[in-house]
Every structure is written in structure tokens, then in C-alpha cells.
Amino acid sequence: MIRKGNELELEMKNMSIEEITLEVLAERALSNFDSKALVTWAINVLHSGRESENLFILAGLDHETTEEREKYFHKSLTDLNLSSDRPAEDLIEFYAMMTAKRAINGDIGVDLAFKQMLKIVFATEYNAKYIAFYEIGEDLDCLHYNDSVIFNPGLTLQNYHEFILEEFKIFLEMEKLEIPVQERDYSYCSRCSELVKPMLKTKYQLCKPHKYQVWCCTNCKFEGIKYSSEHIVKKLIIEKYKENEQNT
């Protein structure tokens, strides 16, 4: 992904060569990679003060083939004593964390950061760690077509920037705490005032379907639970995890 002008300068601020390199390696691990990003990477590294003949060559390969750019990219990595041998999963995790930090700090716009997270969702085949951003995207589509949401109560077309920024903050906090994915899937029962794993309860009615199921609290069977997709529940999960960590 190529950035230009002021946006590129903002992204370069306070980034090390290692971070710049991890970014482009992560983008290569995602779908639809444009090899012109390797040219931009070379320019970024040169701006940071590092120089080599291969970097200068790569920085000028705007109209060359991907094969040629890749060749000088690997030569430049050797010049800088950097490795491209990183697991794709680790690169994508780094990319997601970096995207969240940039969005929160205002270094990139919310819309751009959100698009990057959606790329991560698709590249990881809807990994549970990133699925919240897919659900926000689905709800935004629903709001455009029928003014309703499925996953995120409180999300509107007027507040979606603030809503997505809050999601980035929650995501970053959960990742920093290394909260296991299975512990991010709790619901909150306002009757029990507890975080619980919801269960299905069978109900009956006179009209069809006569038999149906609803989610409810595991403890008291209360149906009015708040789900793990809601920000208030995610914050409770974070606080509970911090509390448990302090007590161990």
C-alpha cells in the first residue's frame, strides 16, 4: 500500500527501520500486494538516513517488474542486516497492532485503518481476534440499507469513527494483556452481575415455530444478557482479566 504526501510523513514519524520493514513484509503477507510498496519502503529507509547502492536502485524502480523489485528488495535487506524470514501470523499481528496504534494516535485516518483491519480479517480467514472489525463492517452495511445493526448496539452512521476508534483501543488493550481468545467471548448478565458463557435455552409458543432457542445466562437463565461484541462487555472482560492476574 503506497502512501503519499503528508500522510506518508506522518506514518514515518518515530518509526524505526525494523518497523518500516515489518510493515512492508506484513503487507506482502496480505492479499493484493502491490510491489510498488517495495519502492516506497526503499525511499522511507533512505529518508531515515541509511544508504546503499541497492536501496538507491530499488527507490528508482517505479516502472520495473515485480521480479526486479523483489530482487533489489532482498539485496537491500542483506545490506541492512535484516531478515524477511518471519511467520506470516507474527507479521500480521504486528501489522494489526501498529494499525491500531496509528489510528489511536491520529497518524492515519480511521477509514484507512479500518480498511487495513478488514484486509487482516480476510487474510486470516476471519480469525476471532480481528472478527470485531468484520462485524462493524457488516453493521455499517446494515445501517446503510435498513437502519439497523446486528452485532453492535450503539453504532450509528454518525458516530462510527468514534466507535471504531474505541474498538481499536479495546483491541490494543486486549492484545497487550494477551487475553486468550476464549476469554474474550463472555457475555454479561445484569441480573447476576457476572461475566458468563451464555447457553441456549429452549422456549415454546403457540404460533410457529412452536419450539425455538434463545441465549441466556448460564447461572440464572436470564435472557437479557449483553454480548461480547458490546464495548461495555469487552471493558468488563479487560478489568476482570486484570483483577485475576493481580490475584495470581
C-alpha atoms as a PDB file:
ATOM      1  CA  MET A   1       0.000   0.000   0.000  1.00  0.00           C
ATOM      2  CA  ILE A   2       1.560   3.295  -1.088  1.00  0.00           C
ATOM      3  CA  ARG A   3       1.042   6.483   0.895  1.00  0.00           C
ATOM      4  CA  LYS A   4       1.829   9.963  -0.416  1.00  0.00           C
ATOM      5  CA  GLY A   5       2.440  13.483   0.825  1.00  0.00           C
ATOM      6  CA  ASN A   6       1.617  14.427   4.394  1.00  0.00           C
ATOM      7  CA  GLU A   7       0.144  11.022   5.230  1.00  0.00           C
ATOM      8  CA  LEU A   8       3.442   9.329   4.367  1.00  0.00           C
ATOM      9  CA  GLU A   9       5.371  11.824   6.519  1.00  0.00           C
ATOM     10  CA  LEU A  10       3.032  11.206   9.457  1.00  0.00           C
ATOM     11  CA  GLU A  11       3.484   7.442   9.193  1.00  0.00           C
ATOM     12  CA  MET A  12       7.267   7.782   9.034  1.00  0.00           C
ATOM     13  CA  LYS A  13       7.396   9.751  12.281  1.00  0.00           C
ATOM     14  CA  ASN A  14       9.084   7.825  15.078  1.00  0.00           C
ATOM     15  CA  MET A  15       9.268   4.600  13.053  1.00  0.00           C
ATOM     16  CA  SER A  16      12.444   2.548  13.074  1.00  0.00           C
ATOM     17  CA  ILE A  17      13.841   0.799  10.002  1.00  0.00           C
ATOM     18  CA  GLU A  18      12.811  -2.507  11.583  1.00  0.00           C
ATOM     19  CA  GLU A  19       9.213  -1.287  11.925  1.00  0.00           C
ATOM     20  CA  ILE A  20       9.154   0.041   8.359  1.00  0.00           C
ATOM     21  CA  THR A  21      10.440  -3.323   7.165  1.00  0.00           C
ATOM     22  CA  LEU A  22       7.989  -5.323   9.248  1.00  0.00           C
ATOM     23  CA  GLU A  23       5.182  -3.224   7.789  1.00  0.00           C
ATOM     24  CA  VAL A  24       6.073  -3.995   4.181  1.00  0.00           C
ATOM     25  CA  LEU A  25       6.680  -7.674   4.993  1.00  0.00           C
ATOM     26  CA  ALA A  26       3.242  -7.816   6.606  1.00  0.00           C
ATOM     27  CA  GLU A  27       1.637  -6.187   3.583  1.00  0.00           C
ATOM     28  CA  ARG A  28       3.299  -8.838   1.415  1.00  0.00           C
ATOM     29  CA  ALA A  29       1.606 -11.480   3.587  1.00  0.00           C
ATOM     30  CA  LEU A  30      -1.799  -9.916   2.905  1.00  0.00           C
ATOM     31  CA  SER A  31      -3.745 -10.257  -0.319  1.00  0.00           C
ATOM     32  CA  ASN A  32      -3.390  -7.999  -3.392  1.00  0.00           C
ATOM     33  CA  PHE A  33       0.101  -6.783  -2.559  1.00  0.00           C
ATOM     34  CA  ASP A  34       1.376  -4.073  -4.898  1.00  0.00           C
ATOM     35  CA  SER A  35       5.152  -4.416  -5.290  1.00  0.00           C
ATOM     36  CA  LYS A  36       5.431  -0.631  -5.672  1.00  0.00           C
ATOM     37  CA  ALA A  37       5.286  -0.677  -1.878  1.00  0.00           C
ATOM     38  CA  LEU A  38       8.861  -2.032  -2.013  1.00  0.00           C
ATOM     39  CA  VAL A  39       9.918   1.125  -3.851  1.00  0.00           C
ATOM     40  CA  THR A  40       8.211   3.222  -1.168  1.00  0.00           C
ATOM     41  CA  TRP A  41       9.960   1.137   1.504  1.00  0.00           C
ATOM     42  CA  ALA A  42      13.363   1.937  -0.064  1.00  0.00           C
ATOM     43  CA  ILE A  43      12.533   5.656  -0.125  1.00  0.00           C
ATOM     44  CA  ASN A  44      11.445   5.518   3.532  1.00  0.00           C
ATOM     45  CA  VAL A  45      14.684   3.802   4.555  1.00  0.00           C
ATOM     46  CA  LEU A  46      16.754   6.364   2.639  1.00  0.00           C
ATOM     47  CA  HIS A  47      14.840   9.151   4.394  1.00  0.00           C
ATOM     48  CA  SER A  48      15.806   7.561   7.711  1.00  0.00           C
ATOM     49  CA  GLY A  49      19.482   8.091   6.888  1.00  0.00           C
ATOM     50  CA  ARG A  50      20.556   4.609   5.802  1.00  0.00           C
ATOM     51  CA  GLU A  51      22.081   4.266   2.341  1.00  0.00           C
ATOM     52  CA  SER A  52      23.289   1.544  -0.009  1.00  0.00           C
ATOM     53  CA  GLU A  53      23.612   1.136  -3.758  1.00  0.00           C
ATOM     54  CA  ASN A  54      20.793  -1.429  -3.816  1.00  0.00           C
ATOM     55  CA  LEU A  55      18.469   0.903  -1.892  1.00  0.00           C
ATOM     56  CA  PHE A  56      19.056   3.684  -4.415  1.00  0.00           C
ATOM     57  CA  ILE A  57      18.357   1.288  -7.278  1.00  0.00           C
ATOM     58  CA  LEU A  58      15.158  -0.021  -5.668  1.00  0.00           C
ATOM     59  CA  ALA A  59      13.960   3.519  -4.925  1.00  0.00           C
ATOM     60  CA  GLY A  60      14.067   4.242  -8.662  1.00  0.00           C
ATOM     61  CA  LEU A  61      12.208   1.143  -9.883  1.00  0.00           C
ATOM     62  CA  ASP A  62       8.798   2.792 -10.299  1.00  0.00           C
ATOM     63  CA  HIS A  63       8.245   1.282 -13.728  1.00  0.00           C
ATOM     64  CA  GLU A  64      10.014  -2.061 -13.355  1.00  0.00           C
ATOM     65  CA  THR A  65       8.576  -5.546 -12.860  1.00  0.00           C
ATOM     66  CA  THR A  66       7.744  -7.112  -9.512  1.00  0.00           C
ATOM     67  CA  GLU A  67      10.547  -9.623 -10.059  1.00  0.00           C
ATOM     68  CA  GLU A  68      13.103  -6.820 -10.400  1.00  0.00           C
ATOM     69  CA  ARG A  69      11.798  -5.003  -7.333  1.00  0.00           C
ATOM     70  CA  GLU A  70      11.851  -8.203  -5.265  1.00  0.00           C
ATOM     71  CA  LYS A  71      15.457  -8.865  -6.291  1.00  0.00           C
ATOM     72  CA  TYR A  72      16.690  -5.490  -5.075  1.00  0.00           C
ATOM     73  CA  PHE A  73      14.469  -5.633  -2.002  1.00  0.00           C
ATOM     74  CA  HIS A  74      16.211  -8.804  -0.824  1.00  0.00           C
ATOM     75  CA  LYS A  75      19.620  -7.330  -1.670  1.00  0.00           C
ATOM     76  CA  SER A  76      18.731  -4.242   0.360  1.00  0.00           C
ATOM     77  CA  LEU A  77      17.642  -6.365   3.307  1.00  0.00           C
ATOM     78  CA  THR A  78      21.052  -8.054   3.224  1.00  0.00           C
ATOM     79  CA  ASP A  79      22.750  -4.634   3.167  1.00  0.00           C
ATOM     80  CA  LEU A  80      20.771  -3.653   6.272  1.00  0.00           C
ATOM     81  CA  ASN A  81      21.317  -6.992   8.062  1.00  0.00           C
ATOM     82  CA  LEU A  82      17.559  -7.550   8.142  1.00  0.00           C
ATOM     83  CA  SER A  83      15.690 -10.814   7.591  1.00  0.00           C
ATOM     84  CA  SER A  84      12.472 -11.464   5.690  1.00  0.00           C
ATOM     85  CA  ASP A  85      12.075 -14.874   7.334  1.00  0.00           C
ATOM     86  CA  ARG A  86       9.134 -14.182   9.658  1.00  0.00           C
ATOM     87  CA  PRO A  87       5.974 -16.292  10.087  1.00  0.00           C
ATOM     88  CA  ALA A  88       3.017 -14.659   8.333  1.00  0.00           C
ATOM     89  CA  GLU A  89       0.942 -14.865  11.526  1.00  0.00           C
ATOM     90  CA  ASP A  90       3.534 -12.863  13.500  1.00  0.00           C
ATOM     91  CA  LEU A  91       3.791 -10.250  10.746  1.00  0.00           C
ATOM     92  CA  ILE A  92       0.031  -9.804  10.592  1.00  0.00           C
ATOM     93  CA  GLU A  93      -0.194  -9.490  14.398  1.00  0.00           C
ATOM     94  CA  PHE A  94       2.454  -6.760  14.283  1.00  0.00           C
ATOM     95  CA  TYR A  95       0.618  -5.028  11.436  1.00  0.00           C
ATOM     96  CA  ALA A  96      -2.687  -5.091  13.331  1.00  0.00           C
ATOM     97  CA  MET A  97      -1.102  -3.661  16.486  1.00  0.00           C
ATOM     98  CA  MET A  98       0.687  -0.971  14.509  1.00  0.00           C
ATOM     99  CA  THR A  99      -2.506  -0.045  12.665  1.00  0.00           C
ATOM    100  CA  ALA A 100      -4.388   0.284  15.953  1.00  0.00           C
ATOM    101  CA  LYS A 101      -1.671   2.490  17.464  1.00  0.00           C
ATOM    102  CA  ARG A 102      -1.564   4.753  14.423  1.00  0.00           C
ATOM    103  CA  ALA A 103      -5.322   5.173  14.363  1.00  0.00           C
ATOM    104  CA  ILE A 104      -5.440   5.991  18.084  1.00  0.00           C
ATOM    105  CA  ASN A 105      -2.544   8.463  17.783  1.00  0.00           C
ATOM    106  CA  GLY A 106      -4.126  10.131  14.749  1.00  0.00           C
ATOM    107  CA  ASP A 107      -1.206   9.242  12.483  1.00  0.00           C
ATOM    108  CA  ILE A 108      -3.613   7.725   9.935  1.00  0.00           C
ATOM    109  CA  GLY A 109      -7.321   8.246   9.357  1.00  0.00           C
ATOM    110  CA  VAL A 110      -9.927   5.953  10.882  1.00  0.00           C
ATOM    111  CA  ASP A 111     -11.288   4.908   7.476  1.00  0.00           C
ATOM    112  CA  LEU A 112      -7.849   3.846   6.220  1.00  0.00           C
ATOM    113  CA  ALA A 113      -7.062   1.987   9.454  1.00  0.00           C
ATOM    114  CA  PHE A 114     -10.436   0.229   9.311  1.00  0.00           C
ATOM    115  CA  LYS A 115      -9.798  -0.898   5.711  1.00  0.00           C
ATOM    116  CA  GLN A 116      -6.423  -2.301   6.789  1.00  0.00           C
ATOM    117  CA  MET A 117      -8.080  -4.269   9.579  1.00  0.00           C
ATOM    118  CA  LEU A 118     -10.634  -5.686   7.158  1.00  0.00           C
ATOM    119  CA  LYS A 119      -7.755  -6.878   4.958  1.00  0.00           C
ATOM    120  CA  ILE A 120      -6.359  -8.641   8.021  1.00  0.00           C
ATOM    121  CA  VAL A 121      -9.742 -10.238   8.762  1.00  0.00           C
ATOM    122  CA  PHE A 122      -9.942 -11.711   5.267  1.00  0.00           C
ATOM    123  CA  ALA A 123      -6.261 -12.716   5.104  1.00  0.00           C
ATOM    124  CA  THR A 124      -6.572 -14.616   8.416  1.00  0.00           C
ATOM    125  CA  GLU A 125      -9.846 -16.262   7.356  1.00  0.00           C
ATOM    126  CA  TYR A 126     -11.902 -14.411   9.970  1.00  0.00           C
ATOM    127  CA  ASN A 127      -9.583 -15.004  12.914  1.00  0.00           C
ATOM    128  CA  ALA A 128     -11.509 -14.434  16.165  1.00  0.00           C
ATOM    129  CA  LYS A 129      -9.013 -11.790  17.336  1.00  0.00           C
ATOM    130  CA  TYR A 130      -9.983  -9.499  14.455  1.00  0.00           C
ATOM    131  CA  ILE A 131     -13.602 -10.512  13.864  1.00  0.00           C
ATOM    132  CA  ALA A 132     -14.997  -7.427  15.649  1.00  0.00           C
ATOM    133  CA  PHE A 133     -13.894  -5.261  12.735  1.00  0.00           C
ATOM    134  CA  TYR A 134     -15.713  -7.519  10.273  1.00  0.00           C
ATOM    135  CA  GLU A 135     -18.851  -7.268  12.435  1.00  0.00           C
ATOM    136  CA  ILE A 136     -18.603  -3.480  12.441  1.00  0.00           C
ATOM    137  CA  GLY A 137     -18.348  -3.570   8.650  1.00  0.00           C
ATOM    138  CA  GLU A 138     -21.439  -5.768   8.423  1.00  0.00           C
ATOM    139  CA  ASP A 139     -23.347  -3.424  10.733  1.00  0.00           C
ATOM    140  CA  LEU A 140     -22.333  -0.375   8.690  1.00  0.00           C
ATOM    141  CA  ASP A 141     -23.777  -2.077   5.605  1.00  0.00           C
ATOM    142  CA  CYS A 142     -26.969  -2.811   7.545  1.00  0.00           C
ATOM    143  CA  LEU A 143     -27.219   0.816   8.658  1.00  0.00           C
ATOM    144  CA  HIS A 144     -26.924   1.985   5.060  1.00  0.00           C
ATOM    145  CA  TYR A 145     -29.641  -0.384   3.831  1.00  0.00           C
ATOM    146  CA  ASN A 146     -32.180  -0.729   6.638  1.00  0.00           C
ATOM    147  CA  ASP A 147     -31.008   1.497   9.512  1.00  0.00           C
ATOM    148  CA  SER A 148     -30.350  -1.400  11.916  1.00  0.00           C
ATOM    149  CA  VAL A 149     -27.419  -3.323  13.388  1.00  0.00           C
ATOM    150  CA  ILE A 150     -26.800  -6.983  14.164  1.00  0.00           C
ATOM    151  CA  PHE A 151     -23.704  -7.036  16.376  1.00  0.00           C
ATOM    152  CA  ASN A 152     -23.014  -3.554  17.740  1.00  0.00           C
ATOM    153  CA  PRO A 153     -25.764  -1.706  19.646  1.00  0.00           C
ATOM    154  CA  GLY A 154     -24.943   1.981  19.742  1.00  0.00           C
ATOM    155  CA  LEU A 155     -23.183   2.080  16.378  1.00  0.00           C
ATOM    156  CA  THR A 156     -24.615   4.696  14.009  1.00  0.00           C
ATOM    157  CA  LEU A 157     -23.569   6.304  10.740  1.00  0.00           C
ATOM    158  CA  GLN A 158     -22.961   9.486  12.714  1.00  0.00           C
ATOM    159  CA  ASN A 159     -20.656   8.041  15.397  1.00  0.00           C
ATOM    160  CA  TYR A 160     -18.884   5.232  13.517  1.00  0.00           C
ATOM    161  CA  HIS A 161     -15.477   6.983  13.557  1.00  0.00           C
ATOM    162  CA  GLU A 162     -15.555   7.297  17.344  1.00  0.00           C
ATOM    163  CA  PHE A 163     -16.956   3.749  17.639  1.00  0.00           C
ATOM    164  CA  ILE A 164     -14.147   2.256  15.536  1.00  0.00           C
ATOM    165  CA  LEU A 165     -11.513   4.224  17.463  1.00  0.00           C
ATOM    166  CA  GLU A 166     -12.908   2.789  20.700  1.00  0.00           C
ATOM    167  CA  GLU A 167     -12.721  -0.692  19.168  1.00  0.00           C
ATOM    168  CA  PHE A 168      -9.058  -0.074  18.317  1.00  0.00           C
ATOM    169  CA  LYS A 169      -8.350   0.945  21.922  1.00  0.00           C
ATOM    170  CA  ILE A 170     -10.050  -2.179  23.259  1.00  0.00           C
ATOM    171  CA  PHE A 171      -8.278  -4.397  20.725  1.00  0.00           C
ATOM    172  CA  LEU A 172      -4.889  -2.924  21.632  1.00  0.00           C
ATOM    173  CA  GLU A 173      -5.508  -3.368  25.366  1.00  0.00           C
ATOM    174  CA  MET A 174      -6.575  -6.999  24.930  1.00  0.00           C
ATOM    175  CA  GLU A 175      -3.539  -7.736  22.778  1.00  0.00           C
ATOM    176  CA  LYS A 176      -1.136  -6.071  25.209  1.00  0.00           C
ATOM    177  CA  LEU A 177      -2.618  -8.093  28.074  1.00  0.00           C
ATOM    178  CA  GLU A 178      -2.511 -11.228  25.885  1.00  0.00           C
ATOM    179  CA  ILE A 179      -6.052 -12.152  26.875  1.00  0.00           C
ATOM    180  CA  PRO A 180      -6.762 -15.607  25.397  1.00  0.00           C
ATOM    181  CA  VAL A 181      -9.325 -15.572  22.594  1.00  0.00           C
ATOM    182  CA  GLN A 182     -11.628 -17.940  24.505  1.00  0.00           C
ATOM    183  CA  GLU A 183     -11.731 -15.474  27.421  1.00  0.00           C
ATOM    184  CA  ARG A 184     -12.907 -12.668  25.143  1.00  0.00           C
ATOM    185  CA  ASP A 185     -16.183 -14.428  24.394  1.00  0.00           C
ATOM    186  CA  TYR A 186     -18.016 -13.886  27.673  1.00  0.00           C
ATOM    187  CA  SER A 187     -21.411 -12.229  27.976  1.00  0.00           C
ATOM    188  CA  TYR A 188     -22.604 -10.086  30.881  1.00  0.00           C
ATOM    189  CA  CYS A 189     -25.686 -10.869  32.944  1.00  0.00           C
ATOM    190  CA  SER A 190     -27.087  -7.730  34.582  1.00  0.00           C
ATOM    191  CA  ARG A 191     -29.178  -9.899  36.938  1.00  0.00           C
ATOM    192  CA  CYS A 192     -26.177 -11.863  38.255  1.00  0.00           C
ATOM    193  CA  SER A 193     -23.724  -9.023  37.640  1.00  0.00           C
ATOM    194  CA  GLU A 194     -21.356 -11.665  36.308  1.00  0.00           C
ATOM    195  CA  LEU A 195     -19.438 -12.421  33.143  1.00  0.00           C
ATOM    196  CA  VAL A 196     -20.713 -15.766  31.887  1.00  0.00           C
ATOM    197  CA  LYS A 197     -20.518 -18.132  28.962  1.00  0.00           C
ATOM    198  CA  PRO A 198     -24.048 -17.918  27.513  1.00  0.00           C
ATOM    199  CA  MET A 199     -26.123 -21.030  26.957  1.00  0.00           C
ATOM    200  CA  LEU A 200     -29.088 -21.873  24.742  1.00  0.00           C
ATOM    201  CA  LYS A 201     -32.484 -22.221  26.397  1.00  0.00           C
ATOM    202  CA  THR A 202     -35.428 -23.891  24.662  1.00  0.00           C
ATOM    203  CA  LYS A 203     -38.720 -21.975  24.651  1.00  0.00           C
ATOM    204  CA  TYR A 204     -42.215 -22.763  23.389  1.00  0.00           C
ATOM    205  CA  GLN A 205     -45.014 -20.681  21.910  1.00  0.00           C
ATOM    206  CA  LEU A 206     -48.457 -21.177  20.322  1.00  0.00           C
ATOM    207  CA  CYS A 207     -47.516 -19.819  16.896  1.00  0.00           C
ATOM    208  CA  LYS A 208     -44.902 -21.307  14.577  1.00  0.00           C
ATOM    209  CA  PRO A 209     -42.171 -22.089  15.208  1.00  0.00           C
ATOM    210  CA  HIS A 210     -43.614 -23.700  18.329  1.00  0.00           C
ATOM    211  CA  LYS A 211     -40.157 -24.553  19.628  1.00  0.00           C
ATOM    212  CA  TYR A 212     -37.195 -22.180  19.463  1.00  0.00           C
ATOM    213  CA  GLN A 213     -33.999 -21.375  21.340  1.00  0.00           C
ATOM    214  CA  VAL A 214     -32.606 -18.195  22.879  1.00  0.00           C
ATOM    215  CA  TRP A 215     -29.300 -17.340  24.514  1.00  0.00           C
ATOM    216  CA  CYS A 216     -29.387 -16.802  28.242  1.00  0.00           C
ATOM    217  CA  CYS A 217     -27.225 -16.601  31.356  1.00  0.00           C
ATOM    218  CA  THR A 218     -25.720 -19.921  32.400  1.00  0.00           C
ATOM    219  CA  ASN A 219     -26.326 -19.149  36.089  1.00  0.00           C
ATOM    220  CA  CYS A 220     -29.841 -17.719  36.308  1.00  0.00           C
ATOM    221  CA  LYS A 221     -31.204 -18.338  32.779  1.00  0.00           C
ATOM    222  CA  PHE A 222     -31.857 -14.588  32.333  1.00  0.00           C
ATOM    223  CA  GLU A 223     -32.326 -13.772  28.646  1.00  0.00           C
ATOM    224  CA  GLY A 224     -31.442 -10.086  28.737  1.00  0.00           C
ATOM    225  CA  ILE A 225     -27.682 -10.584  28.601  1.00  0.00           C
ATOM    226  CA  LYS A 226     -25.187  -8.254  26.960  1.00  0.00           C
ATOM    227  CA  TYR A 227     -22.971  -9.976  24.414  1.00  0.00           C
ATOM    228  CA  SER A 228     -19.202  -9.978  23.989  1.00  0.00           C
ATOM    229  CA  SER A 229     -19.451  -7.777  20.895  1.00  0.00           C
ATOM    230  CA  GLU A 230     -20.539  -4.813  23.028  1.00  0.00           C
ATOM    231  CA  HIS A 231     -17.866  -2.370  24.177  1.00  0.00           C
ATOM    232  CA  ILE A 232     -19.135  -2.283  27.746  1.00  0.00           C
ATOM    233  CA  VAL A 233     -18.735  -6.070  27.993  1.00  0.00           C
ATOM    234  CA  LYS A 234     -15.262  -6.011  26.459  1.00  0.00           C
ATOM    235  CA  LYS A 235     -14.179  -3.438  29.036  1.00  0.00           C
ATOM    236  CA  LEU A 236     -15.562  -5.616  31.816  1.00  0.00           C
ATOM    237  CA  ILE A 237     -13.611  -8.579  30.413  1.00  0.00           C
ATOM    238  CA  ILE A 238     -10.429  -6.487  30.461  1.00  0.00           C
ATOM    239  CA  GLU A 239     -10.987  -5.378  34.049  1.00  0.00           C
ATOM    240  CA  LYS A 240     -11.800  -8.914  35.176  1.00  0.00           C
ATOM    241  CA  TYR A 241      -8.670 -10.260  33.487  1.00  0.00           C
ATOM    242  CA  LYS A 242      -6.503  -7.603  35.146  1.00  0.00           C
ATOM    243  CA  GLU A 243      -8.055  -8.442  38.520  1.00  0.00           C
ATOM    244  CA  ASN A 244      -7.415 -12.167  38.058  1.00  0.00           C
ATOM    245  CA  GLU A 245      -3.822 -11.526  37.015  1.00  0.00           C
ATOM    246  CA  GLN A 246      -3.191  -9.436  40.128  1.00  0.00           C
ATOM    247  CA  ASN A 247      -4.613 -12.178  42.327  1.00  0.00           C
ATOM    248  CA  THR A 248      -2.427 -14.935  40.894  1.00  0.00           C
END
